[in-house]
Amino acid sequence: EEAKLELDQGWDEYEQGKLEAEKNLVMFLYFCRELYQKYREAGIPEEILLATLEDLPLKALRHYNTTGVLGLSGIRWIAPVFRMEQFRLGRMVFCMGKLPVEVPQKSLAVGTPVVDVHIPAGAPLSMQACRDAFTRAEAFFETYFPEYGFSWYTCFSWLLDEGLKQFLKEDSNILQFQKRFHIPFRRFNDFSLSYFIILQNFVNRTQISSASKYSSTSLF
């Protein structure tokens, strides 16, 4: 009965803080229907919807690989999709949001509208793919969200860790990607690097041998 009430309420009223991974997956799948209708009303092509939703099964599979349960955790990464704030455009994902920190070097205050860049796994991070994604993003936001005034793209990612220069070739995709951004500050957090390079390789046994060979993964 509780689940039925939440389904009837819609996405905005769903209690996102719950940690029940299996239930989260069911709820998000249900809300895909509502999201489809929103895309149609906004005139956004269905191909962008399908590309954006590709992250849903990937995160469910990742949860299964690490816990043995098919579900969704860390749903704050999925929530912007259903708020019509996050979109997969080519190689990258772009999410409308507010700058969480002050960047005095660029005269940017906390709360400045920005578009945050995420790099999903699954394909090489070539410079041509990056250029194409940014080109698509420019056209997309001008067409469907012209009122959203932003001047900066941001990226909070382990891929921008300058320490990677110790392990990667100078012409690697990741180091070339780093050059696209001005890095005004650094926040120590080795969890992401450990999770995506070590944990994800070791839970998939066929990839164990590549865990120490960074150049063998598709991002690089």
N, C-alpha and C. Protein backbone atom coordinates (compact mmCIF):
# COMPACT_ATOMS: atom_id res chain seq x y z
N GLU A 1 0.84 -1.20 0.00
CA GLU A 1 0.00 0.00 0.00
C GLU A 1 0.87 1.26 0.00
N GLU A 2 1.95 1.23 0.80
CA GLU A 2 2.85 2.38 0.85
C GLU A 2 3.49 2.62 -0.51
N ALA A 3 3.92 1.52 -1.17
CA ALA A 3 4.55 1.66 -2.49
C ALA A 3 3.55 2.22 -3.50
N LYS A 4 2.29 1.78 -3.42
CA LYS A 4 1.27 2.25 -4.35
C LYS A 4 1.06 3.76 -4.19
N LEU A 5 1.03 4.22 -2.94
CA LEU A 5 0.86 5.65 -2.70
C LEU A 5 2.01 6.45 -3.29
N GLU A 6 3.23 5.93 -3.15
CA GLU A 6 4.39 6.63 -3.68
C GLU A 6 4.35 6.65 -5.20
N LEU A 7 3.90 5.58 -5.81
CA LEU A 7 3.78 5.54 -7.27
C LEU A 7 2.76 6.56 -7.74
N ASP A 8 1.67 6.70 -7.01
CA ASP A 8 0.62 7.64 -7.39
C ASP A 8 1.06 9.09 -7.21
N GLN A 9 1.97 9.33 -6.28
CA GLN A 9 2.39 10.69 -5.98
C GLN A 9 3.24 11.30 -7.10
N GLY A 10 4.03 10.49 -7.76
CA GLY A 10 4.89 11.01 -8.81
C GLY A 10 6.29 11.28 -8.30
N TRP A 11 7.20 11.62 -9.26
CA TRP A 11 8.61 11.74 -8.93
C TRP A 11 8.89 12.78 -7.87
N ASP A 12 8.25 13.96 -7.95
CA ASP A 12 8.59 15.05 -7.05
C ASP A 12 8.35 14.71 -5.59
N GLU A 13 7.40 13.78 -5.33
CA GLU A 13 7.07 13.45 -3.96
C GLU A 13 7.77 12.17 -3.48
N TYR A 14 8.49 11.52 -4.37
CA TYR A 14 9.13 10.27 -3.97
C TYR A 14 10.21 10.54 -2.93
N GLU A 15 10.22 9.75 -1.90
CA GLU A 15 11.17 9.93 -0.81
C GLU A 15 12.52 9.37 -1.25
N GLN A 16 13.38 10.24 -1.77
CA GLN A 16 14.62 9.80 -2.38
C GLN A 16 15.66 9.34 -1.37
N GLY A 17 15.48 9.67 -0.13
CA GLY A 17 16.49 9.34 0.85
C GLY A 17 16.52 7.88 1.25
N LYS A 18 15.55 7.09 0.82
CA LYS A 18 15.48 5.69 1.22
C LYS A 18 16.64 4.89 0.63
N LEU A 19 17.09 3.93 1.39
CA LEU A 19 18.27 3.16 1.00
C LEU A 19 17.93 1.76 0.52
N GLU A 20 16.67 1.51 0.18
CA GLU A 20 16.27 0.20 -0.28
C GLU A 20 16.56 0.09 -1.77
N ALA A 21 17.66 -0.54 -2.11
CA ALA A 21 18.15 -0.55 -3.48
C ALA A 21 17.17 -1.18 -4.46
N GLU A 22 16.58 -2.31 -4.07
CA GLU A 22 15.65 -2.99 -4.97
C GLU A 22 14.42 -2.14 -5.24
N LYS A 23 13.91 -1.53 -4.20
CA LYS A 23 12.74 -0.66 -4.36
C LYS A 23 13.09 0.56 -5.20
N ASN A 24 14.29 1.11 -5.00
CA ASN A 24 14.71 2.27 -5.80
C ASN A 24 14.67 1.94 -7.29
N LEU A 25 15.15 0.77 -7.66
CA LEU A 25 15.17 0.38 -9.06
C LEU A 25 13.76 0.31 -9.63
N VAL A 26 12.85 -0.32 -8.89
CA VAL A 26 11.46 -0.43 -9.35
C VAL A 26 10.84 0.95 -9.51
N MET A 27 11.07 1.83 -8.54
CA MET A 27 10.48 3.17 -8.59
C MET A 27 11.01 3.98 -9.76
N PHE A 28 12.31 3.89 -9.98
CA PHE A 28 12.88 4.65 -11.08
C PHE A 28 12.38 4.13 -12.43
N LEU A 29 12.24 2.83 -12.56
CA LEU A 29 11.69 2.29 -13.80
C LEU A 29 10.27 2.77 -14.02
N TYR A 30 9.51 2.84 -12.94
CA TYR A 30 8.13 3.33 -13.05
C TYR A 30 8.11 4.79 -13.52
N PHE A 31 8.99 5.60 -12.97
CA PHE A 31 9.00 7.02 -13.31
C PHE A 31 9.51 7.29 -14.72
N CYS A 32 10.04 6.28 -15.40
CA CYS A 32 10.45 6.45 -16.80
C CYS A 32 9.26 6.85 -17.66
N ARG A 33 8.09 6.34 -17.36
CA ARG A 33 6.90 6.69 -18.13
C ARG A 33 6.59 8.18 -18.00
N GLU A 34 6.68 8.67 -16.78
CA GLU A 34 6.44 10.09 -16.54
C GLU A 34 7.50 10.95 -17.24
N LEU A 35 8.74 10.48 -17.21
CA LEU A 35 9.82 11.21 -17.86
C LEU A 35 9.63 11.25 -19.37
N TYR A 36 9.17 10.14 -19.94
CA TYR A 36 8.91 10.08 -21.38
C TYR A 36 7.91 11.16 -21.78
N GLN A 37 6.86 11.33 -20.98
CA GLN A 37 5.85 12.33 -21.28
C GLN A 37 6.43 13.74 -21.20
N LYS A 38 7.29 13.98 -20.23
CA LYS A 38 7.91 15.29 -20.08
C LYS A 38 8.79 15.62 -21.28
N TYR A 39 9.52 14.63 -21.78
CA TYR A 39 10.36 14.83 -22.96
C TYR A 39 9.50 15.19 -24.17
N ARG A 40 8.39 14.49 -24.32
CA ARG A 40 7.50 14.77 -25.45
C ARG A 40 6.97 16.19 -25.37
N GLU A 41 6.56 16.61 -24.18
CA GLU A 41 6.02 17.95 -24.01
C GLU A 41 7.08 19.02 -24.29
N ALA A 42 8.33 18.72 -23.96
CA ALA A 42 9.40 19.68 -24.18
C ALA A 42 9.94 19.63 -25.61
N GLY A 43 9.52 18.61 -26.38
CA GLY A 43 9.99 18.47 -27.75
C GLY A 43 11.40 17.92 -27.87
N ILE A 44 11.92 17.33 -26.80
CA ILE A 44 13.26 16.76 -26.83
C ILE A 44 13.22 15.39 -27.51
N PRO A 45 14.09 15.14 -28.47
CA PRO A 45 14.06 13.88 -29.22
C PRO A 45 14.16 12.65 -28.32
N GLU A 46 13.45 11.61 -28.72
CA GLU A 46 13.43 10.37 -27.95
C GLU A 46 14.82 9.75 -27.86
N GLU A 47 15.65 9.95 -28.88
CA GLU A 47 16.99 9.36 -28.87
C GLU A 47 17.82 9.91 -27.71
N ILE A 48 17.58 11.17 -27.34
CA ILE A 48 18.30 11.75 -26.19
C ILE A 48 17.79 11.14 -24.90
N LEU A 49 16.49 10.90 -24.81
CA LEU A 49 15.93 10.23 -23.64
C LEU A 49 16.54 8.85 -23.46
N LEU A 50 16.57 8.07 -24.54
CA LEU A 50 17.11 6.71 -24.44
C LEU A 50 18.58 6.72 -24.08
N ALA A 51 19.34 7.66 -24.65
CA ALA A 51 20.76 7.74 -24.32
C ALA A 51 20.95 8.13 -22.86
N THR A 52 20.13 9.05 -22.38
CA THR A 52 20.23 9.51 -20.99
C THR A 52 19.90 8.39 -20.02
N LEU A 53 18.95 7.55 -20.38
CA LEU A 53 18.52 6.47 -19.49
C LEU A 53 19.46 5.27 -19.52
N GLU A 54 20.45 5.28 -20.43
CA GLU A 54 21.40 4.17 -20.48
C GLU A 54 22.13 3.98 -19.16
N ASP A 55 22.24 5.05 -18.40
CA ASP A 55 22.97 4.97 -17.14
C ASP A 55 22.22 4.16 -16.08
N LEU A 56 20.92 4.05 -16.24
CA LEU A 56 20.11 3.34 -15.25
C LEU A 56 20.49 1.86 -15.15
N PRO A 57 20.47 1.10 -16.25
CA PRO A 57 20.88 -0.31 -16.14
C PRO A 57 22.34 -0.48 -15.80
N LEU A 58 23.20 0.45 -16.22
CA LEU A 58 24.61 0.35 -15.89
C LEU A 58 24.85 0.46 -14.39
N LYS A 59 24.13 1.39 -13.75
CA LYS A 59 24.28 1.55 -12.31
C LYS A 59 23.64 0.39 -11.56
N ALA A 60 22.56 -0.16 -12.10
CA ALA A 60 21.94 -1.33 -11.48
C ALA A 60 22.89 -2.53 -11.56
N LEU A 61 23.56 -2.69 -12.71
CA LEU A 61 24.51 -3.78 -12.87
C LEU A 61 25.72 -3.60 -11.96
N ARG A 62 26.17 -2.36 -11.82
CA ARG A 62 27.30 -2.09 -10.93
C ARG A 62 26.93 -2.45 -9.49
N HIS A 63 25.71 -2.11 -9.09
CA HIS A 63 25.26 -2.45 -7.74
C HIS A 63 25.21 -3.97 -7.57
N TYR A 64 24.76 -4.66 -8.60
CA TYR A 64 24.69 -6.12 -8.54
C TYR A 64 26.09 -6.73 -8.43
N ASN A 65 27.03 -6.20 -9.20
CA ASN A 65 28.39 -6.72 -9.19
C ASN A 65 29.07 -6.56 -7.84
N THR A 66 28.70 -5.50 -7.12
CA THR A 66 29.37 -5.22 -5.85
C THR A 66 28.61 -5.77 -4.64
N THR A 67 27.30 -6.05 -4.80
CA THR A 67 26.51 -6.49 -3.63
C THR A 67 25.81 -7.82 -3.84
N GLY A 68 25.66 -8.25 -5.09
CA GLY A 68 24.90 -9.46 -5.38
C GLY A 68 23.41 -9.24 -5.43
N VAL A 69 22.98 -7.96 -5.34
CA VAL A 69 21.56 -7.60 -5.37
C VAL A 69 21.32 -6.65 -6.54
N LEU A 70 20.30 -6.92 -7.33
CA LEU A 70 19.96 -6.04 -8.44
C LEU A 70 19.14 -4.88 -7.90
N GLY A 71 19.74 -3.70 -7.92
CA GLY A 71 19.05 -2.54 -7.37
C GLY A 71 19.82 -1.27 -7.69
N LEU A 72 19.41 -0.18 -7.07
CA LEU A 72 20.06 1.11 -7.28
C LEU A 72 20.43 1.71 -5.93
N SER A 73 21.69 2.09 -5.79
CA SER A 73 22.13 2.86 -4.64
C SER A 73 22.78 4.13 -5.18
N GLY A 74 23.10 5.05 -4.30
CA GLY A 74 23.67 6.30 -4.78
C GLY A 74 22.75 7.00 -5.75
N ILE A 75 21.45 7.04 -5.40
CA ILE A 75 20.47 7.53 -6.38
C ILE A 75 20.55 9.03 -6.63
N ARG A 76 21.37 9.73 -5.86
CA ARG A 76 21.51 11.17 -6.13
C ARG A 76 22.12 11.39 -7.51
N TRP A 77 22.82 10.37 -8.05
CA TRP A 77 23.40 10.51 -9.38
C TRP A 77 22.34 10.33 -10.47
N ILE A 78 21.24 9.66 -10.14
CA ILE A 78 20.17 9.41 -11.10
C ILE A 78 19.07 10.46 -11.00
N ALA A 79 18.88 11.00 -9.80
CA ALA A 79 17.77 11.93 -9.56
C ALA A 79 17.69 13.08 -10.57
N PRO A 80 18.81 13.74 -10.95
CA PRO A 80 18.70 14.85 -11.90
C PRO A 80 18.11 14.46 -13.25
N VAL A 81 18.25 13.19 -13.63
CA VAL A 81 17.65 12.73 -14.88
C VAL A 81 16.14 12.92 -14.83
N PHE A 82 15.54 12.58 -13.70
CA PHE A 82 14.09 12.64 -13.58
C PHE A 82 13.58 14.03 -13.22
N ARG A 83 14.49 14.93 -12.90
CA ARG A 83 14.12 16.33 -12.72
C ARG A 83 14.32 17.12 -14.01
N MET A 84 14.66 16.43 -15.10
CA MET A 84 14.92 17.07 -16.40
C MET A 84 16.07 18.07 -16.29
N GLU A 85 17.12 17.67 -15.60
CA GLU A 85 18.30 18.52 -15.44
C GLU A 85 19.55 17.88 -16.05
N GLN A 86 19.50 16.59 -16.33
CA GLN A 86 20.69 15.86 -16.77
C GLN A 86 20.41 15.11 -18.06
N PHE A 87 21.37 15.23 -19.02
CA PHE A 87 21.14 14.68 -20.35
C PHE A 87 22.43 14.08 -20.92
N ARG A 88 22.28 12.94 -21.56
CA ARG A 88 23.43 12.32 -22.25
C ARG A 88 23.43 12.84 -23.68
N LEU A 89 24.51 13.53 -24.03
CA LEU A 89 24.65 14.11 -25.36
C LEU A 89 25.97 13.63 -25.94
N GLY A 90 25.90 12.60 -26.76
CA GLY A 90 27.12 12.02 -27.30
C GLY A 90 27.90 11.30 -26.22
N ARG A 91 29.19 11.56 -26.15
CA ARG A 91 30.07 10.82 -25.24
C ARG A 91 29.89 11.20 -23.78
N MET A 92 29.33 12.38 -23.50
CA MET A 92 29.30 12.87 -22.13
C MET A 92 27.89 13.19 -21.65
N VAL A 93 27.79 13.32 -20.34
CA VAL A 93 26.53 13.66 -19.68
C VAL A 93 26.66 15.08 -19.15
N PHE A 94 25.60 15.89 -19.35
CA PHE A 94 25.61 17.28 -18.94
C PHE A 94 24.46 17.53 -17.97
N CYS A 95 24.78 18.15 -16.84
CA CYS A 95 23.78 18.33 -15.78
C CYS A 95 23.72 19.80 -15.35
N MET A 96 22.54 20.39 -15.46
CA MET A 96 22.34 21.77 -15.01
C MET A 96 22.34 21.82 -13.49
N GLY A 97 23.01 22.81 -12.94
CA GLY A 97 23.05 22.93 -11.49
C GLY A 97 23.67 24.24 -11.05
N LYS A 98 23.94 24.33 -9.75
CA LYS A 98 24.53 25.53 -9.17
C LYS A 98 25.94 25.23 -8.70
N LEU A 99 26.82 26.19 -8.88
CA LEU A 99 28.20 26.02 -8.45
C LEU A 99 28.22 25.88 -6.92
N PRO A 100 28.79 24.78 -6.40
CA PRO A 100 28.75 24.54 -4.96
C PRO A 100 29.84 25.26 -4.18
N VAL A 101 30.81 25.83 -4.88
CA VAL A 101 31.93 26.50 -4.22
C VAL A 101 32.21 27.83 -4.91
N GLU A 102 32.88 28.70 -4.21
CA GLU A 102 33.30 29.97 -4.80
C GLU A 102 34.60 29.76 -5.58
N VAL A 103 34.68 30.42 -6.73
CA VAL A 103 35.91 30.35 -7.53
C VAL A 103 36.37 31.79 -7.78
N PRO A 104 37.10 32.36 -6.83
CA PRO A 104 37.50 33.77 -6.97
C PRO A 104 38.37 34.05 -8.18
N GLN A 105 39.13 33.04 -8.63
CA GLN A 105 40.00 33.26 -9.79
C GLN A 105 39.19 33.62 -11.03
N LYS A 106 37.94 33.17 -11.08
CA LYS A 106 37.07 33.45 -12.22
C LYS A 106 35.88 34.33 -11.84
N SER A 107 35.94 34.91 -10.63
CA SER A 107 34.87 35.78 -10.12
C SER A 107 33.51 35.08 -10.12
N LEU A 108 33.52 33.82 -9.72
CA LEU A 108 32.30 33.02 -9.68
C LEU A 108 31.88 32.79 -8.23
N ALA A 109 30.63 33.10 -7.93
CA ALA A 109 30.10 32.95 -6.58
C ALA A 109 29.39 31.61 -6.42
N VAL A 110 29.26 31.18 -5.19
CA VAL A 110 28.46 29.99 -4.90
C VAL A 110 27.04 30.22 -5.43
N GLY A 111 26.49 29.21 -6.09
CA GLY A 111 25.14 29.32 -6.63
C GLY A 111 25.07 29.79 -8.07
N THR A 112 26.23 30.10 -8.68
CA THR A 112 26.24 30.49 -10.09
C THR A 112 25.75 29.34 -10.96
N PRO A 113 24.83 29.60 -11.89
CA PRO A 113 24.36 28.52 -12.78
C PRO A 113 25.51 27.98 -13.63
N VAL A 114 25.65 26.66 -13.64
CA VAL A 114 26.68 26.01 -14.43
C VAL A 114 26.09 24.74 -15.04
N VAL A 115 26.84 24.13 -15.93
CA VAL A 115 26.50 22.80 -16.44
C VAL A 115 27.66 21.89 -16.08
N ASP A 116 27.36 20.89 -15.26
CA ASP A 116 28.40 19.97 -14.80
C ASP A 116 28.55 18.83 -15.81
N VAL A 117 29.78 18.44 -16.04
CA VAL A 117 30.11 17.42 -17.03
C VAL A 117 30.44 16.11 -16.32
N HIS A 118 29.80 15.03 -16.75
CA HIS A 118 30.09 13.69 -16.24
C HIS A 118 30.55 12.81 -17.40
N ILE A 119 31.44 11.89 -17.12
CA ILE A 119 31.98 11.02 -18.16
C ILE A 119 31.59 9.59 -17.86
N PRO A 120 30.56 9.07 -18.51
CA PRO A 120 30.14 7.69 -18.28
C PRO A 120 31.14 6.71 -18.86
N ALA A 121 31.17 5.54 -18.27
CA ALA A 121 32.06 4.49 -18.77
C ALA A 121 31.49 3.89 -20.05
N GLY A 122 32.34 3.16 -20.76
CA GLY A 122 31.82 2.37 -21.87
C GLY A 122 32.37 2.68 -23.24
N ALA A 123 33.12 3.79 -23.38
CA ALA A 123 33.65 4.13 -24.70
C ALA A 123 34.90 4.96 -24.52
N PRO A 124 35.78 4.99 -25.53
CA PRO A 124 36.98 5.81 -25.43
C PRO A 124 36.65 7.29 -25.26
N LEU A 125 37.47 7.97 -24.50
CA LEU A 125 37.27 9.40 -24.26
C LEU A 125 38.14 10.20 -25.24
N SER A 126 37.88 10.01 -26.52
CA SER A 126 38.69 10.67 -27.53
C SER A 126 38.38 12.16 -27.58
N MET A 127 39.34 12.95 -28.03
CA MET A 127 39.14 14.39 -28.10
C MET A 127 38.05 14.75 -29.11
N GLN A 128 37.94 13.99 -30.19
CA GLN A 128 36.89 14.26 -31.15
C GLN A 128 35.52 14.02 -30.54
N ALA A 129 35.40 12.94 -29.76
CA ALA A 129 34.14 12.65 -29.09
C ALA A 129 33.80 13.75 -28.09
N CYS A 130 34.80 14.28 -27.40
CA CYS A 130 34.58 15.38 -26.45
C CYS A 130 34.11 16.63 -27.17
N ARG A 131 34.78 16.96 -28.26
CA ARG A 131 34.38 18.15 -29.02
C ARG A 131 32.96 18.02 -29.52
N ASP A 132 32.63 16.85 -30.04
CA ASP A 132 31.28 16.63 -30.55
C ASP A 132 30.25 16.77 -29.43
N ALA A 133 30.58 16.25 -28.23
CA ALA A 133 29.64 16.31 -27.12
C ALA A 133 29.40 17.76 -26.69
N PHE A 134 30.46 18.56 -26.60
CA PHE A 134 30.29 19.96 -26.21
C PHE A 134 29.51 20.73 -27.28
N THR A 135 29.77 20.41 -28.53
CA THR A 135 29.02 21.07 -29.61
C THR A 135 27.53 20.75 -29.50
N ARG A 136 27.22 19.49 -29.23
CA ARG A 136 25.83 19.09 -29.06
C ARG A 136 25.21 19.76 -27.85
N ALA A 137 25.99 19.89 -26.78
CA ALA A 137 25.48 20.52 -25.56
C ALA A 137 25.12 21.98 -25.81
N GLU A 138 25.99 22.68 -26.52
CA GLU A 138 25.71 24.09 -26.82
C GLU A 138 24.39 24.24 -27.57
N ALA A 139 24.20 23.43 -28.60
CA ALA A 139 22.96 23.50 -29.38
C ALA A 139 21.76 23.05 -28.55
N PHE A 140 21.95 22.03 -27.72
CA PHE A 140 20.84 21.49 -26.93
C PHE A 140 20.31 22.52 -25.95
N PHE A 141 21.18 23.13 -25.16
CA PHE A 141 20.71 24.06 -24.14
C PHE A 141 20.16 25.34 -24.76
N GLU A 142 20.72 25.76 -25.88
CA GLU A 142 20.17 26.93 -26.56
C GLU A 142 18.77 26.65 -27.09
N THR A 143 18.54 25.42 -27.52
CA THR A 143 17.25 25.06 -28.12
C THR A 143 16.17 24.78 -27.08
N TYR A 144 16.50 24.01 -26.06
CA TYR A 144 15.47 23.52 -25.14
C TYR A 144 15.46 24.23 -23.79
N PHE A 145 16.54 24.91 -23.44
CA PHE A 145 16.59 25.64 -22.18
C PHE A 145 17.23 27.01 -22.40
N PRO A 146 16.67 27.81 -23.31
CA PRO A 146 17.28 29.12 -23.63
C PRO A 146 17.28 30.07 -22.45
N GLU A 147 16.39 29.83 -21.49
CA GLU A 147 16.31 30.72 -20.34
C GLU A 147 17.38 30.39 -19.29
N TYR A 148 18.05 29.26 -19.45
CA TYR A 148 19.06 28.86 -18.48
C TYR A 148 20.39 29.53 -18.82
N GLY A 149 20.64 30.64 -18.19
CA GLY A 149 21.84 31.40 -18.51
C GLY A 149 23.07 30.87 -17.77
N PHE A 150 23.95 30.22 -18.49
CA PHE A 150 25.18 29.73 -17.88
C PHE A 150 26.35 30.06 -18.81
N SER A 151 27.51 30.24 -18.20
CA SER A 151 28.70 30.58 -18.97
C SER A 151 29.83 29.58 -18.79
N TRP A 152 29.67 28.65 -17.82
CA TRP A 152 30.77 27.76 -17.48
C TRP A 152 30.31 26.30 -17.42
N TYR A 153 31.19 25.44 -17.91
CA TYR A 153 31.05 24.00 -17.69
C TYR A 153 31.99 23.64 -16.54
N THR A 154 31.52 22.78 -15.65
CA THR A 154 32.34 22.34 -14.53
C THR A 154 32.47 20.82 -14.57
N CYS A 155 33.46 20.33 -13.86
CA CYS A 155 33.66 18.88 -13.78
C CYS A 155 34.33 18.54 -12.46
N PHE A 156 33.66 17.75 -11.64
CA PHE A 156 34.23 17.28 -10.38
C PHE A 156 34.48 15.78 -10.55
N SER A 157 35.70 15.42 -10.85
CA SER A 157 35.97 14.03 -11.22
C SER A 157 37.41 13.64 -10.90
N TRP A 158 37.58 12.35 -10.60
CA TRP A 158 38.93 11.81 -10.41
C TRP A 158 39.74 11.88 -11.70
N LEU A 159 39.06 12.03 -12.82
CA LEU A 159 39.77 12.13 -14.10
C LEU A 159 40.63 13.40 -14.17
N LEU A 160 40.33 14.39 -13.33
CA LEU A 160 41.09 15.63 -13.33
C LEU A 160 42.23 15.61 -12.32
N ASP A 161 42.43 14.48 -11.68
CA ASP A 161 43.53 14.34 -10.72
C ASP A 161 44.86 14.46 -11.47
N GLU A 162 45.61 15.51 -11.16
CA GLU A 162 46.86 15.74 -11.88
C GLU A 162 47.91 14.69 -11.56
N GLY A 163 47.68 13.92 -10.48
CA GLY A 163 48.59 12.84 -10.14
C GLY A 163 48.60 11.73 -11.17
N LEU A 164 47.58 11.70 -12.02
CA LEU A 164 47.52 10.67 -13.06
C LEU A 164 48.65 10.83 -14.09
N LYS A 165 49.26 12.01 -14.10
CA LYS A 165 50.38 12.23 -15.03
C LYS A 165 51.54 11.28 -14.75
N GLN A 166 51.59 10.77 -13.52
CA GLN A 166 52.66 9.84 -13.16
C GLN A 166 52.49 8.48 -13.84
N PHE A 167 51.24 8.18 -14.25
CA PHE A 167 50.95 6.84 -14.74
C PHE A 167 50.57 6.80 -16.22
N LEU A 168 50.15 7.92 -16.76
CA LEU A 168 49.62 7.92 -18.12
C LEU A 168 50.58 8.57 -19.11
N LYS A 169 50.45 8.15 -20.34
CA LYS A 169 51.24 8.78 -21.40
C LYS A 169 50.75 10.20 -21.64
N GLU A 170 51.65 11.05 -22.08
CA GLU A 170 51.32 12.46 -22.24
C GLU A 170 50.16 12.69 -23.21
N ASP A 171 50.05 11.82 -24.21
CA ASP A 171 48.99 11.99 -25.20
C ASP A 171 47.74 11.16 -24.88
N SER A 172 47.64 10.67 -23.65
CA SER A 172 46.48 9.86 -23.29
C SER A 172 45.21 10.70 -23.32
N ASN A 173 44.08 10.04 -23.52
CA ASN A 173 42.80 10.74 -23.59
C ASN A 173 42.50 11.52 -22.31
N ILE A 174 42.78 10.92 -21.17
CA ILE A 174 42.46 11.58 -19.90
C ILE A 174 43.28 12.85 -19.72
N LEU A 175 44.57 12.80 -19.99
CA LEU A 175 45.39 14.00 -19.83
C LEU A 175 45.00 15.07 -20.83
N GLN A 176 44.60 14.68 -22.02
CA GLN A 176 44.10 15.65 -22.99
C GLN A 176 42.79 16.26 -22.51
N PHE A 177 41.96 15.43 -21.88
CA PHE A 177 40.69 15.92 -21.33
C PHE A 177 40.96 16.93 -20.22
N GLN A 178 41.94 16.68 -19.38
CA GLN A 178 42.27 17.60 -18.29
C GLN A 178 42.58 18.99 -18.81
N LYS A 179 43.21 19.07 -19.97
CA LYS A 179 43.62 20.36 -20.52
C LYS A 179 42.45 21.25 -20.90
N ARG A 180 41.26 20.67 -20.98
CA ARG A 180 40.09 21.46 -21.33
C ARG A 180 39.59 22.29 -20.15
N PHE A 181 40.09 22.01 -18.95
CA PHE A 181 39.57 22.65 -17.75
C PHE A 181 40.64 23.43 -17.01
N HIS A 182 40.20 24.54 -16.42
CA HIS A 182 41.01 25.27 -15.46
C HIS A 182 40.70 24.66 -14.09
N ILE A 183 41.73 24.27 -13.35
CA ILE A 183 41.52 23.60 -12.06
C ILE A 183 41.85 24.57 -10.94
N PRO A 184 40.82 25.22 -10.35
CA PRO A 184 41.06 26.27 -9.36
C PRO A 184 41.32 25.74 -7.96
N PHE A 185 40.92 24.52 -7.67
CA PHE A 185 41.15 23.98 -6.34
C PHE A 185 41.16 22.46 -6.42
N ARG A 186 41.65 21.84 -5.36
CA ARG A 186 41.73 20.38 -5.29
C ARG A 186 41.15 19.92 -3.98
N ARG A 187 40.42 18.83 -4.02
CA ARG A 187 39.84 18.25 -2.82
C ARG A 187 40.27 16.80 -2.74
N PHE A 188 40.94 16.45 -1.65
CA PHE A 188 41.45 15.09 -1.52
C PHE A 188 40.31 14.11 -1.29
N ASN A 189 40.22 13.13 -2.17
CA ASN A 189 39.23 12.06 -2.04
C ASN A 189 39.68 10.92 -2.93
N ASP A 190 40.33 9.92 -2.33
CA ASP A 190 40.85 8.84 -3.15
C ASP A 190 39.82 7.73 -3.36
N PHE A 191 38.58 7.92 -2.85
CA PHE A 191 37.57 6.85 -2.99
C PHE A 191 37.22 6.63 -4.45
N SER A 192 36.98 7.72 -5.18
CA SER A 192 36.56 7.57 -6.58
C SER A 192 37.61 6.86 -7.41
N LEU A 193 38.86 7.26 -7.22
CA LEU A 193 39.94 6.63 -7.99
C LEU A 193 40.03 5.15 -7.65
N SER A 194 39.93 4.82 -6.36
CA SER A 194 40.01 3.42 -5.96
C SER A 194 38.81 2.64 -6.47
N TYR A 195 37.63 3.25 -6.40
CA TYR A 195 36.40 2.54 -6.79
C TYR A 195 36.39 2.24 -8.28
N PHE A 196 36.66 3.24 -9.09
CA PHE A 196 36.51 3.05 -10.52
C PHE A 196 37.66 2.30 -11.16
N ILE A 197 38.87 2.41 -10.62
CA ILE A 197 39.99 1.71 -11.23
C ILE A 197 40.21 0.34 -10.59
N ILE A 198 40.15 0.27 -9.28
CA ILE A 198 40.48 -0.98 -8.60
C ILE A 198 39.26 -1.85 -8.36
N LEU A 199 38.25 -1.33 -7.65
CA LEU A 199 37.10 -2.15 -7.31
C LEU A 199 36.38 -2.65 -8.56
N GLN A 200 36.14 -1.77 -9.51
CA GLN A 200 35.39 -2.18 -10.69
C GLN A 200 36.16 -3.20 -11.53
N ASN A 201 37.47 -3.15 -11.50
CA ASN A 201 38.23 -4.15 -12.22
C ASN A 201 38.23 -5.48 -11.50
N PHE A 202 38.29 -5.45 -10.18
CA PHE A 202 38.42 -6.69 -9.45
C PHE A 202 37.11 -7.45 -9.29
N VAL A 203 35.96 -6.77 -9.33
CA VAL A 203 34.72 -7.51 -9.23
C VAL A 203 34.42 -8.23 -10.54
N ASN A 204 35.02 -7.76 -11.62
CA ASN A 204 34.88 -8.43 -12.91
C ASN A 204 36.20 -9.16 -13.16
N ARG A 205 36.23 -10.46 -12.92
CA ARG A 205 37.49 -11.19 -12.89
C ARG A 205 38.27 -11.13 -14.21
N THR A 206 37.55 -11.02 -15.32
CA THR A 206 38.24 -11.00 -16.61
C THR A 206 39.08 -9.74 -16.77
N GLN A 207 38.80 -8.72 -15.93
CA GLN A 207 39.53 -7.46 -16.07
C GLN A 207 40.64 -7.31 -15.04
N ILE A 208 40.81 -8.30 -14.17
CA ILE A 208 41.78 -8.16 -13.09
C ILE A 208 43.17 -7.86 -13.62
N SER A 209 43.54 -8.50 -14.70
CA SER A 209 44.89 -8.34 -15.22
C SER A 209 45.16 -6.93 -15.72
N SER A 210 44.10 -6.17 -16.00
CA SER A 210 44.29 -4.82 -16.52
C SER A 210 44.26 -3.77 -15.43
N ALA A 211 44.04 -4.17 -14.19
CA ALA A 211 43.89 -3.20 -13.12
C ALA A 211 45.12 -2.34 -12.94
N SER A 212 46.30 -2.89 -13.23
CA SER A 212 47.53 -2.13 -13.05
C SER A 212 48.06 -1.56 -14.35
N LYS A 213 47.29 -1.73 -15.43
CA LYS A 213 47.71 -1.24 -16.74
C LYS A 213 46.71 -0.20 -17.20
N TYR A 214 46.87 1.01 -16.71
CA TYR A 214 45.87 2.04 -16.94
C TYR A 214 45.57 2.26 -18.42
N SER A 215 46.57 2.09 -19.27
CA SER A 215 46.36 2.38 -20.69
C SER A 215 45.44 1.37 -21.36
N SER A 216 45.07 0.29 -20.66
CA SER A 216 44.25 -0.74 -21.29
C SER A 216 42.76 -0.47 -21.15
N THR A 217 42.37 0.48 -20.31
CA THR A 217 40.96 0.75 -20.14
C THR A 217 40.48 1.75 -21.16
N SER A 218 39.21 1.71 -21.51
CA SER A 218 38.71 2.46 -22.65
C SER A 218 38.79 3.97 -22.45
N LEU A 219 38.73 4.45 -21.21
CA LEU A 219 38.78 5.88 -20.99
C LEU A 219 40.10 6.49 -21.41
N PHE A 220 41.17 5.72 -21.28
CA PHE A 220 42.51 6.27 -21.47
C PHE A 220 42.93 6.28 -22.92
